[in-house]
Protein backbone atom coordinates (compact mmCIF):
# COMPACT_ATOMS: atom_id res chain seq x y z
CA UNK A 1 0.00 0.00 0.00
CA UNK A 2 1.06 3.61 -0.64
CA UNK A 3 0.81 6.32 2.02
CA UNK A 4 0.07 10.04 1.69
CA UNK A 5 0.57 11.97 4.90
CA UNK A 6 0.76 15.46 6.36
CA UNK A 7 3.32 15.90 9.16
CA UNK A 8 2.28 18.42 11.82
CA UNK A 9 4.27 19.41 14.89
CA UNK A 10 2.65 21.81 17.30
CA UNK A 11 4.31 23.62 20.17
CA UNK A 12 3.64 27.34 20.39
CA UNK A 13 7.17 27.92 21.73
CA UNK A 14 8.76 26.70 18.50
CA UNK A 15 9.32 28.84 15.42
CA UNK A 16 6.92 28.00 12.61
CA UNK A 17 5.30 29.64 9.58
CA UNK A 18 5.80 33.39 9.30
CA UNK A 19 2.62 34.03 7.32
CA UNK A 20 0.05 32.90 9.91
CA UNK A 21 -1.57 35.52 12.12
CA UNK A 22 -4.36 33.53 13.79
CA UNK A 23 -4.40 33.52 17.60
CA UNK A 24 -5.35 29.82 17.57
CA UNK A 25 -2.73 28.35 15.25
CA UNK A 26 -3.38 24.74 16.28
CA UNK A 27 -7.06 24.96 15.33
CA UNK A 28 -6.28 26.74 12.07
CA UNK A 29 -3.70 24.17 11.00
CA UNK A 30 -5.96 21.25 11.88
CA UNK A 31 -8.69 22.69 9.67
CA UNK A 32 -6.19 23.10 6.82
CA UNK A 33 -4.94 19.55 7.39
CA UNK A 34 -8.47 18.17 7.22
CA UNK A 35 -8.92 19.88 3.84
CA UNK A 36 -5.64 18.45 2.57
CA UNK A 37 -6.13 14.89 3.80
CA UNK A 38 -9.83 14.56 3.00
CA UNK A 39 -9.29 15.89 -0.53
CA UNK A 40 -6.41 13.38 -0.83
CA UNK A 41 -8.74 10.61 0.32
CA UNK A 42 -11.42 11.59 -2.20
CA UNK A 43 -9.06 11.11 -5.16
CA UNK A 44 -7.00 8.23 -3.74
CA UNK A 45 -9.40 5.59 -2.47
CA UNK A 46 -6.85 2.79 -2.15
CA UNK A 47 -4.02 4.69 -0.45
CA UNK A 48 -3.36 5.02 3.25
CA UNK A 49 -4.03 8.65 4.20
CA UNK A 50 -2.61 9.88 7.49
CA UNK A 51 -1.86 12.74 9.83
CA UNK A 52 1.53 12.34 11.53
CA UNK A 53 1.84 14.53 14.61
CA UNK A 54 3.17 15.02 18.10
CA UNK A 55 -0.35 15.87 19.27
CA UNK A 56 -2.19 13.37 21.43
CA UNK A 57 -5.40 11.58 20.50
CA UNK A 58 -6.56 10.27 23.88
CA UNK A 59 -4.92 12.44 26.56
CA UNK A 60 -7.55 15.04 27.41
CA UNK A 61 -5.49 16.67 30.13
CA UNK A 62 -3.06 18.42 27.81
CA UNK A 63 -3.28 21.37 25.45
CA UNK A 64 -1.37 19.17 23.01
CA UNK A 65 -4.50 17.18 22.32
CA UNK A 66 -6.29 16.95 18.97
CA UNK A 67 -9.85 18.22 19.53
CA UNK A 68 -12.47 15.52 19.07
CA UNK A 69 -14.13 17.34 16.16
CA UNK A 70 -11.06 16.77 13.98
CA UNK A 71 -10.46 13.20 15.17
CA UNK A 72 -14.06 12.33 14.28
CA UNK A 73 -13.88 14.07 10.91
CA UNK A 74 -10.69 12.28 9.90
CA UNK A 75 -12.02 8.96 11.19
CA UNK A 76 -15.16 9.28 9.03
CA UNK A 77 -12.90 9.31 6.00
CA UNK A 78 -10.74 6.41 7.19
CA UNK A 79 -7.73 8.67 7.79
CA UNK A 80 -5.20 7.41 10.31
CA UNK A 81 -3.43 9.44 12.98
CA UNK A 82 0.14 8.47 13.90
CA UNK A 83 1.68 10.05 16.99
CA UNK A 84 5.47 10.38 17.06
CA UNK A 85 7.53 12.46 19.43
CA UNK A 86 9.84 15.05 17.90
CA UNK A 87 12.94 13.01 18.75
CA UNK A 88 15.19 13.36 15.71
CA UNK A 89 16.11 16.27 13.41
CA UNK A 90 15.44 18.45 16.46
CA UNK A 91 16.77 21.96 16.70
CA UNK A 92 16.17 24.44 19.52
CA UNK A 93 12.79 26.14 19.73
CA UNK A 94 14.36 29.47 18.63
CA UNK A 95 16.04 27.98 15.55
CA UNK A 96 14.55 29.41 12.31
CA UNK A 97 11.66 27.22 11.13
CA UNK A 98 12.43 24.79 13.97
CA UNK A 99 9.04 23.06 13.81
CA UNK A 100 9.35 22.45 10.04
CA UNK A 101 12.07 19.83 10.57
CA UNK A 102 9.41 17.55 12.05
CA UNK A 103 8.63 16.51 8.46
CA UNK A 104 11.93 14.66 8.37
CA UNK A 105 11.28 13.17 11.80
CA UNK A 106 7.90 11.89 10.58
CA UNK A 107 9.42 10.33 7.47
CA UNK A 108 12.20 8.75 9.55
CA UNK A 109 9.64 6.92 11.69
CA UNK A 110 7.22 6.03 8.91
CA UNK A 111 9.82 4.35 6.66
CA UNK A 112 10.09 1.71 9.38
CA UNK A 113 6.52 0.75 8.52
CA UNK A 114 6.00 -1.47 5.53
CA UNK A 115 4.51 0.84 2.88
CA UNK A 116 5.52 0.58 -0.77
CA UNK A 117 5.63 4.32 -1.52
CA UNK A 118 5.63 7.43 0.65
CA UNK A 119 4.46 10.97 0.00
CA UNK A 120 4.34 13.84 2.46
CA UNK A 121 2.63 17.18 1.93
CA UNK A 122 2.39 20.51 3.70
CA UNK A 123 -0.82 21.33 5.57
CA UNK A 124 -1.74 24.15 3.16
CA UNK A 125 -2.31 21.91 0.15
CA UNK A 126 -5.40 20.87 -1.76
CA UNK A 127 -5.44 17.64 -3.77
CA UNK A 128 -7.47 17.71 -6.97
CA UNK A 129 -6.46 14.49 -8.73
CA UNK A 130 -5.24 10.93 -8.28
CA UNK A 131 -1.62 10.12 -7.33
CA UNK A 132 -1.50 7.15 -9.75
CA UNK A 133 1.06 8.87 -12.00
CA UNK A 134 3.15 9.89 -8.99
CA UNK A 135 3.35 6.26 -7.83
CA UNK A 136 4.44 5.16 -11.30
CA UNK A 137 7.23 7.73 -11.19
CA UNK A 138 8.42 6.66 -7.73
CA UNK A 139 9.34 3.23 -9.09
CA UNK A 140 12.39 4.98 -10.54
CA UNK A 141 12.61 8.46 -8.98
CA UNK A 142 12.50 10.52 -5.84
CA UNK A 143 10.12 13.38 -6.64
CA UNK A 144 10.87 16.81 -5.15
CA UNK A 145 9.54 20.23 -6.07
CA UNK A 146 12.06 22.58 -7.71
CA UNK A 147 10.90 26.07 -6.76
CA UNK A 148 12.70 27.44 -9.84
CA UNK A 149 14.63 30.27 -8.25
CA UNK A 150 17.76 31.61 -9.92
CA UNK A 151 20.45 34.05 -8.93
CA UNK A 152 18.18 36.93 -9.84
CA UNK A 153 16.01 35.98 -6.84
CA UNK A 154 17.18 37.18 -3.43
CA UNK A 155 15.98 34.07 -1.59
CA UNK A 156 18.05 31.84 -3.87
CA UNK A 157 21.15 33.98 -3.37
CA UNK A 158 20.71 33.62 0.40
CA UNK A 159 20.30 29.86 -0.01
CA UNK A 160 23.50 29.67 -2.08
CA UNK A 161 25.39 31.71 0.52
CA UNK A 162 24.31 29.27 3.22
CA UNK A 163 25.34 26.30 1.06
CA UNK A 164 28.73 27.95 0.48
CA UNK A 165 29.18 28.47 4.23
CA UNK A 166 28.25 24.85 4.92
CA UNK A 167 30.57 23.30 2.31
CA UNK A 168 33.26 26.00 2.44
CA UNK A 169 32.98 26.34 -1.33
CA UNK A 170 30.54 27.82 -3.80
CA UNK A 171 27.96 25.41 -5.20
CA UNK A 172 24.75 26.27 -7.03
CA UNK A 173 22.46 23.53 -5.80
CA UNK A 174 18.83 23.27 -6.86
CA UNK A 175 16.62 24.69 -4.11
CA UNK A 176 13.84 22.18 -3.52
CA UNK A 177 10.72 23.08 -1.57
CA UNK A 178 9.68 21.32 1.61
CA UNK A 179 6.01 20.97 0.67
CA UNK A 180 6.30 17.69 -1.23
CA UNK A 181 8.33 14.49 -1.11
CA UNK A 182 7.54 11.20 -2.83
CA UNK A 183 9.65 8.05 -3.07
CA UNK A 184 9.52 4.28 -2.84
CA UNK A 185 10.54 2.70 0.45
CA UNK A 186 14.12 1.86 -0.58
CA UNK A 187 14.83 5.38 -1.85
CA UNK A 188 13.02 6.97 1.09
CA UNK A 189 15.17 5.05 3.60
CA UNK A 190 18.35 6.01 1.78
CA UNK A 191 17.20 9.63 1.59
CA UNK A 192 16.35 9.94 5.27
CA UNK A 193 19.62 8.30 6.38
CA UNK A 194 21.59 10.82 4.32
CA UNK A 195 19.40 13.57 5.76
CA UNK A 196 20.32 12.39 9.26
CA UNK A 197 24.02 12.65 8.34
CA UNK A 198 23.53 16.26 7.18
CA UNK A 199 21.59 17.06 10.34
CA UNK A 200 24.39 15.62 12.51
CA UNK A 201 26.95 17.67 10.62
CA UNK A 202 24.85 20.82 11.13
CA UNK A 203 24.65 20.08 14.84
CA UNK A 204 28.41 19.51 15.11
CA UNK A 205 29.11 22.79 13.32
CA UNK A 206 26.37 24.71 15.15
CA UNK A 207 25.23 25.64 11.66
CA UNK A 208 22.16 27.83 11.26
CA UNK A 209 20.08 27.91 8.09
CA UNK A 210 17.14 30.23 7.45
CA UNK A 211 15.65 27.75 4.97
CA UNK A 212 14.36 25.13 7.41
CA UNK A 213 14.03 21.53 6.25
CA UNK A 214 14.48 22.70 2.64
CA UNK A 215 18.20 23.17 3.33
CA UNK A 216 18.68 19.52 4.30
CA UNK A 217 16.35 18.26 1.58
CA UNK A 218 18.19 20.22 -1.12
CA UNK A 219 21.63 18.98 -0.03
CA UNK A 220 20.50 15.35 0.09
CA UNK A 221 18.83 15.79 -3.31
CA UNK A 222 22.17 17.01 -4.67
CA UNK A 223 23.94 13.95 -3.25
CA UNK A 224 21.26 11.67 -4.75
CA UNK A 225 20.77 13.74 -7.91
CA UNK A 226 20.82 10.71 -10.22
CA UNK A 227 17.66 9.49 -8.49
CA UNK A 228 15.84 12.83 -8.11
CA UNK A 229 13.30 14.25 -10.54
CA UNK A 230 11.46 17.58 -10.42
CA UNK A 231 7.86 17.10 -9.23
CA UNK A 232 6.67 20.27 -10.96
CA UNK A 233 4.35 18.24 -13.19
CA UNK A 234 2.34 17.30 -10.10
CA UNK A 235 2.52 20.26 -7.72
CA UNK A 236 2.82 24.04 -7.95
CA UNK A 237 3.33 26.67 -5.25
CA UNK A 238 0.73 29.39 -5.84
CA UNK A 239 1.27 32.77 -4.15
CA UNK A 240 -2.06 34.57 -4.05
CA UNK A 241 -1.57 37.47 -1.63
CA UNK A 242 0.01 40.88 -2.27
CA UNK A 243 2.92 38.91 -3.71
CA UNK A 244 1.12 37.15 -6.55
CA UNK A 245 2.78 34.35 -8.49
CA UNK A 246 0.19 32.13 -10.16
CA UNK A 247 0.39 29.67 -13.05
CA UNK A 248 -2.67 28.44 -14.94
CA UNK A 249 -1.54 24.84 -14.28
CA UNK A 250 -4.31 24.58 -11.70
CA UNK A 251 -6.48 24.05 -14.80
CA UNK A 252 -4.33 23.62 -17.92
CA UNK A 253 -1.81 20.75 -17.80
CA UNK A 254 -3.49 20.30 -14.45
CA UNK A 255 -1.31 19.52 -11.44
CA UNK A 256 -2.57 17.08 -8.81
CA UNK A 257 -1.61 19.23 -5.83
CA UNK A 258 -2.23 22.92 -5.22
CA UNK A 259 0.17 24.36 -2.65
CA UNK A 260 -1.49 27.51 -1.30
CA UNK A 261 0.71 29.19 1.36
CA UNK A 262 -1.26 32.46 1.30
CA UNK A 263 -4.63 30.72 1.72
CA UNK A 264 -4.16 29.09 5.14
CA UNK A 265 -6.48 31.64 6.74
CA UNK A 266 -8.51 32.44 3.63
CA UNK A 267 -9.51 30.09 0.82
CA UNK A 268 -8.62 26.84 2.56
CA UNK A 269 -10.57 27.91 5.63
CA UNK A 270 -13.61 28.67 3.43
CA UNK A 271 -13.34 25.21 1.88
CA UNK A 272 -13.27 23.66 5.36
CA UNK A 273 -16.27 25.64 6.61
CA UNK A 274 -18.45 25.30 3.52
CA UNK A 275 -17.56 21.77 2.41
CA UNK A 276 -15.13 19.59 4.36
CA UNK A 277 -16.77 20.12 7.77
CA UNK A 278 -20.03 19.00 6.13
CA UNK A 279 -18.44 15.91 4.53
CA UNK A 280 -18.59 17.42 1.05
CA UNK A 281 -15.96 17.96 -1.64
CA UNK A 282 -16.18 21.18 -3.68
CA UNK A 283 -16.03 21.34 -7.45
CA UNK A 284 -12.61 22.31 -8.78
CA UNK A 285 -13.92 25.66 -10.03
CA UNK A 286 -15.08 26.53 -6.53
CA UNK A 287 -11.66 25.72 -5.08
CA UNK A 288 -9.95 27.87 -7.71
CA UNK A 289 -12.29 30.73 -6.94
CA UNK A 290 -12.01 30.56 -3.14
CA UNK A 291 -8.22 30.32 -3.34
CA UNK A 292 -7.90 33.31 -5.70
CA UNK A 293 -6.53 31.33 -8.64
CA UNK A 294 -9.22 32.00 -11.23
CA UNK A 295 -10.93 34.97 -9.62
CA UNK A 296 -9.82 37.88 -7.45
CA UNK A 297 -12.79 39.84 -6.02
CA UNK A 298 -12.49 43.61 -5.81
CA UNK A 299 -13.21 43.52 -2.06
CA UNK A 300 -10.20 41.21 -1.54
CA UNK A 301 -8.02 43.63 -3.46
CA UNK A 302 -9.14 46.39 -1.09
CA UNK A 303 -8.34 44.18 1.92
CA UNK A 304 -4.86 43.50 0.54
CA UNK A 305 -4.30 47.21 -0.01
CA UNK A 306 -5.32 47.97 3.58
CA UNK A 307 -3.08 45.17 4.87
CA UNK A 308 -0.11 46.61 2.99
CA UNK A 309 -0.79 50.08 4.41
CA UNK A 310 -0.96 48.68 7.96
CA UNK A 311 2.32 46.83 7.49
CA UNK A 312 4.02 50.14 6.77
């Protein structure tokens, strides 16, 4: 069996996403996760679908408990919940993106279970098609998402500077995103063991990256580059806020996975409230509209303008 899972570590003391402003981040993320996993279930009937988390299912005396509403909702759709402590790939709570490294911890534990293929996704994703083609590809490849930044992009220059500092020489590695990983069990085990080696080296050097798990993923991908293929045919990162970077591949040459970082508190939340919480799946066109891919209402433009003014 193949497994699709969303890793989610929650501890309010740890650094996490910089573009979330909700006072109740745990609740927000769990709603987003339900949208991601239940949409994945809808299009992938014969896969294992799972939430992998440090949150507890049955300990009601802790704030690190998954509220029953989400447990019941996931259970209705035959979605498993695995609980793993954050016990490897751990950095201090003040380390940049410290909670994001839990993805690697989750993969490390799950590869010990006997699945044929593994795919992890970020919480702010929506699945709009089957993973059948992805599983065909993972027979031969590790699939990672090339975010397609070059030296003209500041974030890539910073990434390259950090790589140079780590290796003590200049190397222009491909910067892969942390929102998607897919591989067969053999490749996944090799990948995560190499990732552990990089993590240990970072610890020994007291090395700090501002790129979170993407730094480790990109270095391991470079070391395994003969086995890595760009997953851009299956996933795209859509920026739909004041910084707008949108392809029409949500519809034309349709990708299976929409990564929607700017919609955590907007479109994805609407999908949860109007559909997922009521055990319904929206039409694709409704998803595209809510998540500002095909339609951008004038009122939302005004809200963005006000938000930009307030930031100043």
